């Protein structure tokens, strides 16, 4: 098997996950680490082994190992043994290194927490349900993220109420985790894709401290303001900063261009279809929008500029 990028987890309420709440949903705590994966490749021997590892964007090597994750995989026989015994399976999870959330227990850091196990079927793949992969991971002593709740025919309010149940790995009395991820293993969206939904705590707070719904648009510039207000969130900017710090072992002023570029790319590629639908196919001046995104980044992280 070759490297496979993990699917984008969509915001609850968007068209990509419309109807996901209908049926049985496993609601998992969302933890604030870096996306990581591991799989078996019998055809290639790299870095002393045939078990391979990846970050969100690429396959890893010991020289480019995502804050030590590649070395962690190669030094843990339980991961190798599990993947050797289940050669069609791929592990996806979070490698817990410091990002924006710093309140995790001291003993929680630098561990791999599996949140999905995928069976490779050649040209397609299957998400193995939690109740099916849990005993396999337990057999090999591999850490996994347990669900907060199993909800049948839930609602937005049901899932929001579970935000305060996410204390997974968080120090006692130090608040709550990043949010929740909603998985319905029987669900496919209207485009035929099996997709998960998320509610992120910081974005939920932002949404409910302003007037609900899109602002009234009285002029062309208001379109760009509405997009930045609704979709270029503090959470998105801070998450991107944390990823850059992780990728570069710290921050330097030379990374400012990368920060701006990655926030802009995520806004357009991941949220574009959502704000186009929400604002009813508006006419957008992308030069103006880019300028306003830069202003929002500077307002959010003034200490970097």
C-alpha atoms as a PDB file:
ATOM      1  CA  UNK A   1       0.000   0.000   0.000  1.00  0.00           C
ATOM      2  CA  UNK A   2       1.074   3.559  -0.681  1.00  0.00           C
ATOM      3  CA  UNK A   3       0.507   6.785   1.253  1.00  0.00           C
ATOM      4  CA  UNK A   4      -3.124   7.866   1.511  1.00  0.00           C
ATOM      5  CA  UNK A   5      -4.185  11.281   2.729  1.00  0.00           C
ATOM      6  CA  UNK A   6      -6.817  11.302   5.464  1.00  0.00           C
ATOM      7  CA  UNK A   7     -10.219  12.582   4.424  1.00  0.00           C
ATOM      8  CA  UNK A   8     -11.360  16.085   5.356  1.00  0.00           C
ATOM      9  CA  UNK A   9     -13.749  16.096   8.327  1.00  0.00           C
ATOM     10  CA  UNK A  10     -16.606  18.462   7.478  1.00  0.00           C
ATOM     11  CA  UNK A  11     -18.342  20.958   9.737  1.00  0.00           C
ATOM     12  CA  UNK A  12     -21.665  19.677  10.981  1.00  0.00           C
ATOM     13  CA  UNK A  13     -24.499  21.351   9.092  1.00  0.00           C
ATOM     14  CA  UNK A  14     -22.788  21.598   5.709  1.00  0.00           C
ATOM     15  CA  UNK A  15     -24.094  19.849   2.598  1.00  0.00           C
ATOM     16  CA  UNK A  16     -21.221  17.331   2.685  1.00  0.00           C
ATOM     17  CA  UNK A  17     -22.609  15.771   5.884  1.00  0.00           C
ATOM     18  CA  UNK A  18     -26.308  16.535   5.477  1.00  0.00           C
ATOM     19  CA  UNK A  19     -28.320  13.820   7.235  1.00  0.00           C
ATOM     20  CA  UNK A  20     -25.398  12.189   9.037  1.00  0.00           C
ATOM     21  CA  UNK A  21     -27.347  12.410  12.300  1.00  0.00           C
ATOM     22  CA  UNK A  22     -30.011  10.002  11.014  1.00  0.00           C
ATOM     23  CA  UNK A  23     -29.203   6.597  12.427  1.00  0.00           C
ATOM     24  CA  UNK A  24     -26.585   5.495  14.921  1.00  0.00           C
ATOM     25  CA  UNK A  25     -23.676   7.891  15.441  1.00  0.00           C
ATOM     26  CA  UNK A  26     -20.534   7.329  17.469  1.00  0.00           C
ATOM     27  CA  UNK A  27     -19.424  10.683  18.911  1.00  0.00           C
ATOM     28  CA  UNK A  28     -15.696  10.863  19.588  1.00  0.00           C
ATOM     29  CA  UNK A  29     -13.569  13.450  21.377  1.00  0.00           C
ATOM     30  CA  UNK A  30     -11.531  15.552  18.958  1.00  0.00           C
ATOM     31  CA  UNK A  31      -7.968  15.923  20.209  1.00  0.00           C
ATOM     32  CA  UNK A  32      -5.519  18.624  19.197  1.00  0.00           C
ATOM     33  CA  UNK A  33      -2.460  16.811  17.877  1.00  0.00           C
ATOM     34  CA  UNK A  34      -1.068  16.284  14.404  1.00  0.00           C
ATOM     35  CA  UNK A  35      -2.651  13.919  11.909  1.00  0.00           C
ATOM     36  CA  UNK A  36      -0.650  10.710  11.436  1.00  0.00           C
ATOM     37  CA  UNK A  37      -0.999   7.299   9.802  1.00  0.00           C
ATOM     38  CA  UNK A  38       0.745   3.925   9.589  1.00  0.00           C
ATOM     39  CA  UNK A  39       0.451   1.032   7.139  1.00  0.00           C
ATOM     40  CA  UNK A  40       2.198  -2.086   5.843  1.00  0.00           C
ATOM     41  CA  UNK A  41       4.070  -2.086   2.540  1.00  0.00           C
ATOM     42  CA  UNK A  42       5.617  -5.428   1.669  1.00  0.00           C
ATOM     43  CA  UNK A  43       7.205  -4.087  -1.511  1.00  0.00           C
ATOM     44  CA  UNK A  44       9.531  -1.488  -0.036  1.00  0.00           C
ATOM     45  CA  UNK A  45      12.047  -1.516   2.797  1.00  0.00           C
ATOM     46  CA  UNK A  46      12.577   2.010   4.143  1.00  0.00           C
ATOM     47  CA  UNK A  47      14.208   3.282   7.341  1.00  0.00           C
ATOM     48  CA  UNK A  48      14.811  -0.236   8.585  1.00  0.00           C
ATOM     49  CA  UNK A  49      11.317  -1.590   8.121  1.00  0.00           C
ATOM     50  CA  UNK A  50       8.339  -2.246   5.892  1.00  0.00           C
ATOM     51  CA  UNK A  51       5.840  -0.460   8.130  1.00  0.00           C
ATOM     52  CA  UNK A  52       5.395   3.016   6.735  1.00  0.00           C
ATOM     53  CA  UNK A  53       4.167   6.225   8.351  1.00  0.00           C
ATOM     54  CA  UNK A  54       2.656   9.471   7.158  1.00  0.00           C
ATOM     55  CA  UNK A  55       1.591  12.938   8.216  1.00  0.00           C
ATOM     56  CA  UNK A  56      -1.515  14.665   6.920  1.00  0.00           C
ATOM     57  CA  UNK A  57       0.201  15.601   3.661  1.00  0.00           C
ATOM     58  CA  UNK A  58       2.985  13.116   2.903  1.00  0.00           C
ATOM     59  CA  UNK A  59       4.842   9.899   3.655  1.00  0.00           C
ATOM     60  CA  UNK A  60       7.461  10.284   6.372  1.00  0.00           C
ATOM     61  CA  UNK A  61      11.124   9.372   6.711  1.00  0.00           C
ATOM     62  CA  UNK A  62      13.455   9.606   9.679  1.00  0.00           C
ATOM     63  CA  UNK A  63      14.807  12.828   8.189  1.00  0.00           C
ATOM     64  CA  UNK A  64      11.292  14.262   7.891  1.00  0.00           C
ATOM     65  CA  UNK A  65       9.362  12.511  10.608  1.00  0.00           C
ATOM     66  CA  UNK A  66       6.543  14.797  11.815  1.00  0.00           C
ATOM     67  CA  UNK A  67       7.870  15.648  15.280  1.00  0.00           C
ATOM     68  CA  UNK A  68       9.206  12.141  15.876  1.00  0.00           C
ATOM     69  CA  UNK A  69       6.259  10.084  14.662  1.00  0.00           C
ATOM     70  CA  UNK A  70       8.188   8.041  12.098  1.00  0.00           C
ATOM     71  CA  UNK A  71      10.724   7.007  14.743  1.00  0.00           C
ATOM     72  CA  UNK A  72       7.884   6.200  17.146  1.00  0.00           C
ATOM     73  CA  UNK A  73       6.269   3.808  14.654  1.00  0.00           C
ATOM     74  CA  UNK A  74       9.554   2.054  13.877  1.00  0.00           C
ATOM     75  CA  UNK A  75      10.385   1.613  17.558  1.00  0.00           C
ATOM     76  CA  UNK A  76       7.016   0.171  18.613  1.00  0.00           C
ATOM     77  CA  UNK A  77       6.679  -3.496  17.726  1.00  0.00           C
ATOM     78  CA  UNK A  78       2.990  -3.579  18.635  1.00  0.00           C
ATOM     79  CA  UNK A  79       2.172  -1.308  15.684  1.00  0.00           C
ATOM     80  CA  UNK A  80       4.348  -3.382  13.345  1.00  0.00           C
ATOM     81  CA  UNK A  81       2.864  -6.638  14.635  1.00  0.00           C
ATOM     82  CA  UNK A  82      -0.710  -5.415  14.236  1.00  0.00           C
ATOM     83  CA  UNK A  83      -0.144  -4.204  10.666  1.00  0.00           C
ATOM     84  CA  UNK A  84       1.745  -7.374   9.725  1.00  0.00           C
ATOM     85  CA  UNK A  85      -1.187  -9.462  10.978  1.00  0.00           C
ATOM     86  CA  UNK A  86      -3.736  -7.192   9.274  1.00  0.00           C
ATOM     87  CA  UNK A  87      -1.904  -6.209   6.093  1.00  0.00           C
ATOM     88  CA  UNK A  88      -4.917  -4.635   4.401  1.00  0.00           C
ATOM     89  CA  UNK A  89      -5.484  -2.231   7.272  1.00  0.00           C
ATOM     90  CA  UNK A  90      -4.291   1.340   7.653  1.00  0.00           C
ATOM     91  CA  UNK A  91      -4.205   3.200  10.981  1.00  0.00           C
ATOM     92  CA  UNK A  92      -5.184   6.865  11.170  1.00  0.00           C
ATOM     93  CA  UNK A  93      -4.860   8.868  14.353  1.00  0.00           C
ATOM     94  CA  UNK A  94      -3.392  11.812  16.226  1.00  0.00           C
ATOM     95  CA  UNK A  95       0.259  12.013  17.227  1.00  0.00           C
ATOM     96  CA  UNK A  96      -0.138  14.142  20.352  1.00  0.00           C
ATOM     97  CA  UNK A  97       2.454  16.899  20.301  1.00  0.00           C
ATOM     98  CA  UNK A  98       1.752  20.487  21.476  1.00  0.00           C
ATOM     99  CA  UNK A  99      -0.423  22.594  19.197  1.00  0.00           C
ATOM    100  CA  UNK A 100      -2.941  25.160  20.426  1.00  0.00           C
ATOM    101  CA  UNK A 101      -4.304  23.145  23.364  1.00  0.00           C
ATOM    102  CA  UNK A 102      -1.754  22.834  26.177  1.00  0.00           C
ATOM    103  CA  UNK A 103      -3.941  21.355  28.936  1.00  0.00           C
ATOM    104  CA  UNK A 104      -3.441  17.650  28.247  1.00  0.00           C
ATOM    105  CA  UNK A 105      -2.038  15.477  31.025  1.00  0.00           C
ATOM    106  CA  UNK A 106       1.742  15.230  31.191  1.00  0.00           C
ATOM    107  CA  UNK A 107       1.622  11.482  30.496  1.00  0.00           C
ATOM    108  CA  UNK A 108      -0.548  11.929  27.387  1.00  0.00           C
ATOM    109  CA  UNK A 109       2.049  13.580  25.140  1.00  0.00           C
ATOM    110  CA  UNK A 110       4.024  11.921  22.343  1.00  0.00           C
ATOM    111  CA  UNK A 111       1.665   9.006  21.947  1.00  0.00           C
ATOM    112  CA  UNK A 112      -0.303   7.802  18.911  1.00  0.00           C
ATOM    113  CA  UNK A 113      -4.076   7.703  19.426  1.00  0.00           C
ATOM    114  CA  UNK A 114      -5.909   5.827  16.659  1.00  0.00           C
ATOM    115  CA  UNK A 115      -9.271   7.270  15.602  1.00  0.00           C
ATOM    116  CA  UNK A 116      -9.900   5.313  12.381  1.00  0.00           C
ATOM    117  CA  UNK A 117      -8.928   1.953  10.946  1.00  0.00           C
ATOM    118  CA  UNK A 118      -9.390   1.617   7.184  1.00  0.00           C
ATOM    119  CA  UNK A 119      -9.432  -1.603   5.188  1.00  0.00           C
ATOM    120  CA  UNK A 120      -7.798  -1.184   1.786  1.00  0.00           C
ATOM    121  CA  UNK A 121      -9.840  -2.932  -0.924  1.00  0.00           C
ATOM    122  CA  UNK A 122      -7.670  -1.974  -3.881  1.00  0.00           C
ATOM    123  CA  UNK A 123      -9.351   0.896  -5.696  1.00  0.00           C
ATOM    124  CA  UNK A 124     -11.707   1.549  -2.757  1.00  0.00           C
ATOM    125  CA  UNK A 125     -11.542   1.283   1.018  1.00  0.00           C
ATOM    126  CA  UNK A 126     -13.824   0.596   3.955  1.00  0.00           C
ATOM    127  CA  UNK A 127     -13.962   2.391   7.292  1.00  0.00           C
ATOM    128  CA  UNK A 128     -13.995  -0.422   9.835  1.00  0.00           C
ATOM    129  CA  UNK A 129     -16.610   0.345  12.541  1.00  0.00           C
ATOM    130  CA  UNK A 130     -15.355   1.119  16.042  1.00  0.00           C
ATOM    131  CA  UNK A 131     -16.838  -2.003  17.638  1.00  0.00           C
ATOM    132  CA  UNK A 132     -15.014  -4.088  15.027  1.00  0.00           C
ATOM    133  CA  UNK A 133     -11.546  -2.505  15.248  1.00  0.00           C
ATOM    134  CA  UNK A 134     -11.497  -1.944  19.030  1.00  0.00           C
ATOM    135  CA  UNK A 135     -10.713  -5.598  19.956  1.00  0.00           C
ATOM    136  CA  UNK A 136      -8.009  -5.779  17.257  1.00  0.00           C
ATOM    137  CA  UNK A 137      -6.198  -2.737  18.663  1.00  0.00           C
ATOM    138  CA  UNK A 138      -6.614  -3.985  22.219  1.00  0.00           C
ATOM    139  CA  UNK A 139      -5.070  -7.333  21.255  1.00  0.00           C
ATOM    140  CA  UNK A 140      -1.883  -5.530  20.226  1.00  0.00           C
ATOM    141  CA  UNK A 141      -1.937  -2.886  22.962  1.00  0.00           C
ATOM    142  CA  UNK A 142      -2.451   0.062  20.612  1.00  0.00           C
ATOM    143  CA  UNK A 143      -3.962   3.263  22.022  1.00  0.00           C
ATOM    144  CA  UNK A 144      -7.275   4.366  20.524  1.00  0.00           C
ATOM    145  CA  UNK A 145      -9.785   7.159  21.112  1.00  0.00           C
ATOM    146  CA  UNK A 146     -13.000   5.849  22.710  1.00  0.00           C
ATOM    147  CA  UNK A 147     -16.397   7.424  21.949  1.00  0.00           C
ATOM    148  CA  UNK A 148     -18.019   9.867  24.349  1.00  0.00           C
ATOM    149  CA  UNK A 149     -21.471   8.588  23.453  1.00  0.00           C
ATOM    150  CA  UNK A 150     -23.426   6.538  20.939  1.00  0.00           C
ATOM    151  CA  UNK A 151     -26.389   8.611  19.723  1.00  0.00           C
ATOM    152  CA  UNK A 152     -29.358   7.403  17.695  1.00  0.00           C
ATOM    153  CA  UNK A 153     -31.158  10.005  15.548  1.00  0.00           C
ATOM    154  CA  UNK A 154     -29.476  12.943  17.246  1.00  0.00           C
ATOM    155  CA  UNK A 155     -29.646  16.688  16.547  1.00  0.00           C
ATOM    156  CA  UNK A 156     -27.271  19.634  16.493  1.00  0.00           C
ATOM    157  CA  UNK A 157     -28.236  20.425  20.093  1.00  0.00           C
ATOM    158  CA  UNK A 158     -27.550  16.816  21.113  1.00  0.00           C
ATOM    159  CA  UNK A 159     -24.018  16.975  19.745  1.00  0.00           C
ATOM    160  CA  UNK A 160     -23.318  20.481  21.093  1.00  0.00           C
ATOM    161  CA  UNK A 161     -24.269  19.268  24.579  1.00  0.00           C
ATOM    162  CA  UNK A 162     -21.537  16.644  24.273  1.00  0.00           C
ATOM    163  CA  UNK A 163     -18.799  19.294  23.857  1.00  0.00           C
ATOM    164  CA  UNK A 164     -18.557  19.551  27.630  1.00  0.00           C
ATOM    165  CA  UNK A 165     -18.206  15.759  27.871  1.00  0.00           C
ATOM    166  CA  UNK A 166     -14.884  15.858  26.039  1.00  0.00           C
ATOM    167  CA  UNK A 167     -12.401  15.745  28.889  1.00  0.00           C
ATOM    168  CA  UNK A 168     -10.400  12.964  27.229  1.00  0.00           C
ATOM    169  CA  UNK A 169      -6.699  13.249  28.232  1.00  0.00           C
ATOM    170  CA  UNK A 170      -7.315  16.747  29.685  1.00  0.00           C
ATOM    171  CA  UNK A 171      -5.968  17.551  33.149  1.00  0.00           C
ATOM    172  CA  UNK A 172      -8.602  17.575  35.903  1.00  0.00           C
ATOM    173  CA  UNK A 173     -10.162  21.010  36.215  1.00  0.00           C
ATOM    174  CA  UNK A 174      -8.425  22.332  33.080  1.00  0.00           C
ATOM    175  CA  UNK A 175     -11.500  22.621  30.878  1.00  0.00           C
ATOM    176  CA  UNK A 176     -12.444  20.614  27.827  1.00  0.00           C
ATOM    177  CA  UNK A 177     -11.017  19.240  24.605  1.00  0.00           C
ATOM    178  CA  UNK A 178     -11.077  20.716  21.121  1.00  0.00           C
ATOM    179  CA  UNK A 179     -14.510  19.463  20.074  1.00  0.00           C
ATOM    180  CA  UNK A 180     -16.293  16.335  18.867  1.00  0.00           C
ATOM    181  CA  UNK A 181     -16.263  14.185  15.714  1.00  0.00           C
ATOM    182  CA  UNK A 182     -19.486  12.479  14.619  1.00  0.00           C
ATOM    183  CA  UNK A 183     -19.260   9.174  12.731  1.00  0.00           C
ATOM    184  CA  UNK A 184     -22.139   7.233  11.252  1.00  0.00           C
ATOM    185  CA  UNK A 185     -20.666   4.049   9.796  1.00  0.00           C
ATOM    186  CA  UNK A 186     -23.790   3.415   7.676  1.00  0.00           C
ATOM    187  CA  UNK A 187     -23.844   6.932   6.204  1.00  0.00           C
ATOM    188  CA  UNK A 188     -22.945   8.128   2.738  1.00  0.00           C
ATOM    189  CA  UNK A 189     -23.567  11.713   1.671  1.00  0.00           C
ATOM    190  CA  UNK A 190     -25.528  12.633  -1.450  1.00  0.00           C
ATOM    191  CA  UNK A 191     -22.295  12.553  -3.449  1.00  0.00           C
ATOM    192  CA  UNK A 192     -21.723   8.911  -2.504  1.00  0.00           C
ATOM    193  CA  UNK A 193     -18.899   9.587  -0.035  1.00  0.00           C
ATOM    194  CA  UNK A 194     -18.598   8.352   3.533  1.00  0.00           C
ATOM    195  CA  UNK A 195     -17.730  11.478   5.456  1.00  0.00           C
ATOM    196  CA  UNK A 196     -17.458  12.430   9.119  1.00  0.00           C
ATOM    197  CA  UNK A 197     -18.723  15.633  10.763  1.00  0.00           C
ATOM    198  CA  UNK A 198     -17.170  17.811  13.460  1.00  0.00           C
ATOM    199  CA  UNK A 199     -18.119  20.550  15.878  1.00  0.00           C
ATOM    200  CA  UNK A 200     -15.117  22.536  17.134  1.00  0.00           C
ATOM    201  CA  UNK A 201     -15.558  24.256  20.482  1.00  0.00           C
ATOM    202  CA  UNK A 202     -13.800  27.536  19.638  1.00  0.00           C
ATOM    203  CA  UNK A 203     -15.702  27.902  16.365  1.00  0.00           C
ATOM    204  CA  UNK A 204     -18.976  27.123  18.167  1.00  0.00           C
ATOM    205  CA  UNK A 205     -18.250  29.936  20.660  1.00  0.00           C
ATOM    206  CA  UNK A 206     -17.474  32.388  17.878  1.00  0.00           C
ATOM    207  CA  UNK A 207     -20.663  31.488  16.063  1.00  0.00           C
ATOM    208  CA  UNK A 208     -22.817  32.139  19.107  1.00  0.00           C
ATOM    209  CA  UNK A 209     -21.226  35.435  20.141  1.00  0.00           C
ATOM    210  CA  UNK A 210     -22.419  37.101  16.954  1.00  0.00           C
ATOM    211  CA  UNK A 211     -25.845  37.383  15.347  1.00  0.00           C
ATOM    212  CA  UNK A 212     -26.967  34.081  13.905  1.00  0.00           C
ATOM    213  CA  UNK A 213     -27.069  33.774  10.140  1.00  0.00           C
ATOM    214  CA  UNK A 214     -25.327  35.658   7.381  1.00  0.00           C
ATOM    215  CA  UNK A 215     -25.162  39.462   7.641  1.00  0.00           C
ATOM    216  CA  UNK A 216     -27.249  41.552   5.243  1.00  0.00           C
ATOM    217  CA  UNK A 217     -25.155  42.472   2.243  1.00  0.00           C
ATOM    218  CA  UNK A 218     -25.542  46.080   1.108  1.00  0.00           C
ATOM    219  CA  UNK A 219     -22.444  46.422  -1.016  1.00  0.00           C
ATOM    220  CA  UNK A 220     -19.794  44.393  -2.755  1.00  0.00           C
ATOM    221  CA  UNK A 221     -17.230  44.694   0.061  1.00  0.00           C
ATOM    222  CA  UNK A 222     -19.684  43.187   2.566  1.00  0.00           C
ATOM    223  CA  UNK A 223     -19.488  39.852   0.777  1.00  0.00           C
ATOM    224  CA  UNK A 224     -15.806  39.546   1.617  1.00  0.00           C
ATOM    225  CA  UNK A 225     -16.445  40.734   5.203  1.00  0.00           C
ATOM    226  CA  UNK A 226     -19.114  38.076   5.635  1.00  0.00           C
ATOM    227  CA  UNK A 227     -16.797  35.333   4.391  1.00  0.00           C
ATOM    228  CA  UNK A 228     -13.954  36.362   6.686  1.00  0.00           C
ATOM    229  CA  UNK A 229     -16.277  36.757   9.671  1.00  0.00           C
ATOM    230  CA  UNK A 230     -17.979  33.444   9.182  1.00  0.00           C
ATOM    231  CA  UNK A 231     -15.233  31.171   7.886  1.00  0.00           C
ATOM    232  CA  UNK A 232     -11.734  32.576   8.507  1.00  0.00           C
ATOM    233  CA  UNK A 233     -12.025  31.776  12.202  1.00  0.00           C
ATOM    234  CA  UNK A 234      -9.552  32.212  15.019  1.00  0.00           C
ATOM    235  CA  UNK A 235      -9.517  28.429  15.341  1.00  0.00           C
ATOM    236  CA  UNK A 236      -8.487  27.998  11.693  1.00  0.00           C
ATOM    237  CA  UNK A 237      -5.685  30.562  11.994  1.00  0.00           C
ATOM    238  CA  UNK A 238      -4.311  29.223  15.283  1.00  0.00           C
ATOM    239  CA  UNK A 239      -4.492  25.621  14.060  1.00  0.00           C
ATOM    240  CA  UNK A 240      -2.530  26.540  10.928  1.00  0.00           C
ATOM    241  CA  UNK A 241       0.102  28.341  13.007  1.00  0.00           C
ATOM    242  CA  UNK A 242       0.498  25.281  15.233  1.00  0.00           C
ATOM    243  CA  UNK A 243       0.971  23.006  12.203  1.00  0.00           C
ATOM    244  CA  UNK A 244       3.666  25.297  10.783  1.00  0.00           C
ATOM    245  CA  UNK A 245       5.479  25.389  14.128  1.00  0.00           C
ATOM    246  CA  UNK A 246       5.353  21.612  14.239  1.00  0.00           C
ATOM    247  CA  UNK A 247       6.567  21.189  10.643  1.00  0.00           C
ATOM    248  CA  UNK A 248       9.465  23.618  11.165  1.00  0.00           C
ATOM    249  CA  UNK A 249      10.388  22.840  14.790  1.00  0.00           C
ATOM    250  CA  UNK A 250       9.389  26.347  15.837  1.00  0.00           C
ATOM    251  CA  UNK A 251       8.460  29.693  14.366  1.00  0.00           C
ATOM    252  CA  UNK A 252      10.446  32.197  12.364  1.00  0.00           C
ATOM    253  CA  UNK A 253       9.373  35.414  10.673  1.00  0.00           C
ATOM    254  CA  UNK A 254      10.277  33.756   7.363  1.00  0.00           C
ATOM    255  CA  UNK A 255       7.208  31.531   7.881  1.00  0.00           C
ATOM    256  CA  UNK A 256       4.756  34.459   7.669  1.00  0.00           C
ATOM    257  CA  UNK A 257       4.211  33.919   3.955  1.00  0.00           C
ATOM    258  CA  UNK A 258       3.542  30.228   4.539  1.00  0.00           C
ATOM    259  CA  UNK A 259       1.021  31.067   7.281  1.00  0.00           C
ATOM    260  CA  UNK A 260      -0.888  33.471   5.056  1.00  0.00           C
ATOM    261  CA  UNK A 261      -0.789  31.068   2.110  1.00  0.00           C
ATOM    262  CA  UNK A 262      -1.996  28.047   4.065  1.00  0.00           C
ATOM    263  CA  UNK A 263      -4.837  29.913   5.780  1.00  0.00           C
ATOM    264  CA  UNK A 264      -5.934  31.251   2.386  1.00  0.00           C
ATOM    265  CA  UNK A 265      -5.709  27.800   0.771  1.00  0.00           C
ATOM    266  CA  UNK A 266      -7.743  26.147   3.543  1.00  0.00           C
ATOM    267  CA  UNK A 267     -10.369  28.885   3.422  1.00  0.00           C
ATOM    268  CA  UNK A 268     -10.889  28.537  -0.335  1.00  0.00           C
ATOM    269  CA  UNK A 269     -10.535  24.768  -0.767  1.00  0.00           C
ATOM    270  CA  UNK A 270     -12.276  23.592   2.403  1.00  0.00           C
ATOM    271  CA  UNK A 271     -14.873  26.316   2.996  1.00  0.00           C
ATOM    272  CA  UNK A 272     -15.458  27.715  -0.496  1.00  0.00           C
ATOM    273  CA  UNK A 273     -18.476  25.589  -1.338  1.00  0.00           C
ATOM    274  CA  UNK A 274     -19.988  26.378   2.063  1.00  0.00           C
ATOM    275  CA  UNK A 275     -19.794  30.167   1.892  1.00  0.00           C
ATOM    276  CA  UNK A 276     -20.874  30.206  -1.768  1.00  0.00           C
ATOM    277  CA  UNK A 277     -24.024  28.308  -0.808  1.00  0.00           C
ATOM    278  CA  UNK A 278     -24.616  30.263   2.418  1.00  0.00           C
ATOM    279  CA  UNK A 279     -24.308  33.629   0.673  1.00  0.00           C
ATOM    280  CA  UNK A 280     -26.313  32.449  -2.350  1.00  0.00           C
ATOM    281  CA  UNK A 281     -23.670  32.470  -5.100  1.00  0.00           C
ATOM    282  CA  UNK A 282     -22.284  35.950  -4.397  1.00  0.00           C
ATOM    283  CA  UNK A 283     -19.959  37.926  -6.612  1.00  0.00           C
ATOM    284  CA  UNK A 284     -16.616  37.776  -4.806  1.00  0.00           C
ATOM    285  CA  UNK A 285     -13.626  40.038  -5.331  1.00  0.00           C
ATOM    286  CA  UNK A 286     -10.868  37.577  -4.433  1.00  0.00           C
ATOM    287  CA  UNK A 287      -8.231  40.274  -4.276  1.00  0.00           C
ATOM    288  CA  UNK A 288     -10.305  42.081  -1.655  1.00  0.00           C
ATOM    289  CA  UNK A 289     -11.013  38.818   0.142  1.00  0.00           C
ATOM    290  CA  UNK A 290      -7.305  37.960   0.270  1.00  0.00           C
ATOM    291  CA  UNK A 291      -6.542  41.404   1.705  1.00  0.00           C
ATOM    292  CA  UNK A 292      -9.204  40.973   4.406  1.00  0.00           C
ATOM    293  CA  UNK A 293      -7.895  37.499   5.269  1.00  0.00           C
ATOM    294  CA  UNK A 294      -4.427  38.965   5.821  1.00  0.00           C
ATOM    295  CA  UNK A 295      -5.929  41.659   8.063  1.00  0.00           C
ATOM    296  CA  UNK A 296      -7.783  38.983  10.075  1.00  0.00           C
ATOM    297  CA  UNK A 297      -4.562  36.980  10.512  1.00  0.00           C
ATOM    298  CA  UNK A 298      -2.719  40.092  11.719  1.00  0.00           C
ATOM    299  CA  UNK A 299      -5.531  40.957  14.136  1.00  0.00           C
ATOM    300  CA  UNK A 300      -5.577  37.402  15.473  1.00  0.00           C
ATOM    301  CA  UNK A 301      -1.783  37.008  15.844  1.00  0.00           C
ATOM    302  CA  UNK A 302      -0.415  40.563  16.260  1.00  0.00           C
ATOM    303  CA  UNK A 303       2.659  39.280  18.076  1.00  0.00           C
ATOM    304  CA  UNK A 304       3.941  37.699  14.847  1.00  0.00           C
ATOM    305  CA  UNK A 305       3.870  40.874  12.769  1.00  0.00           C
END
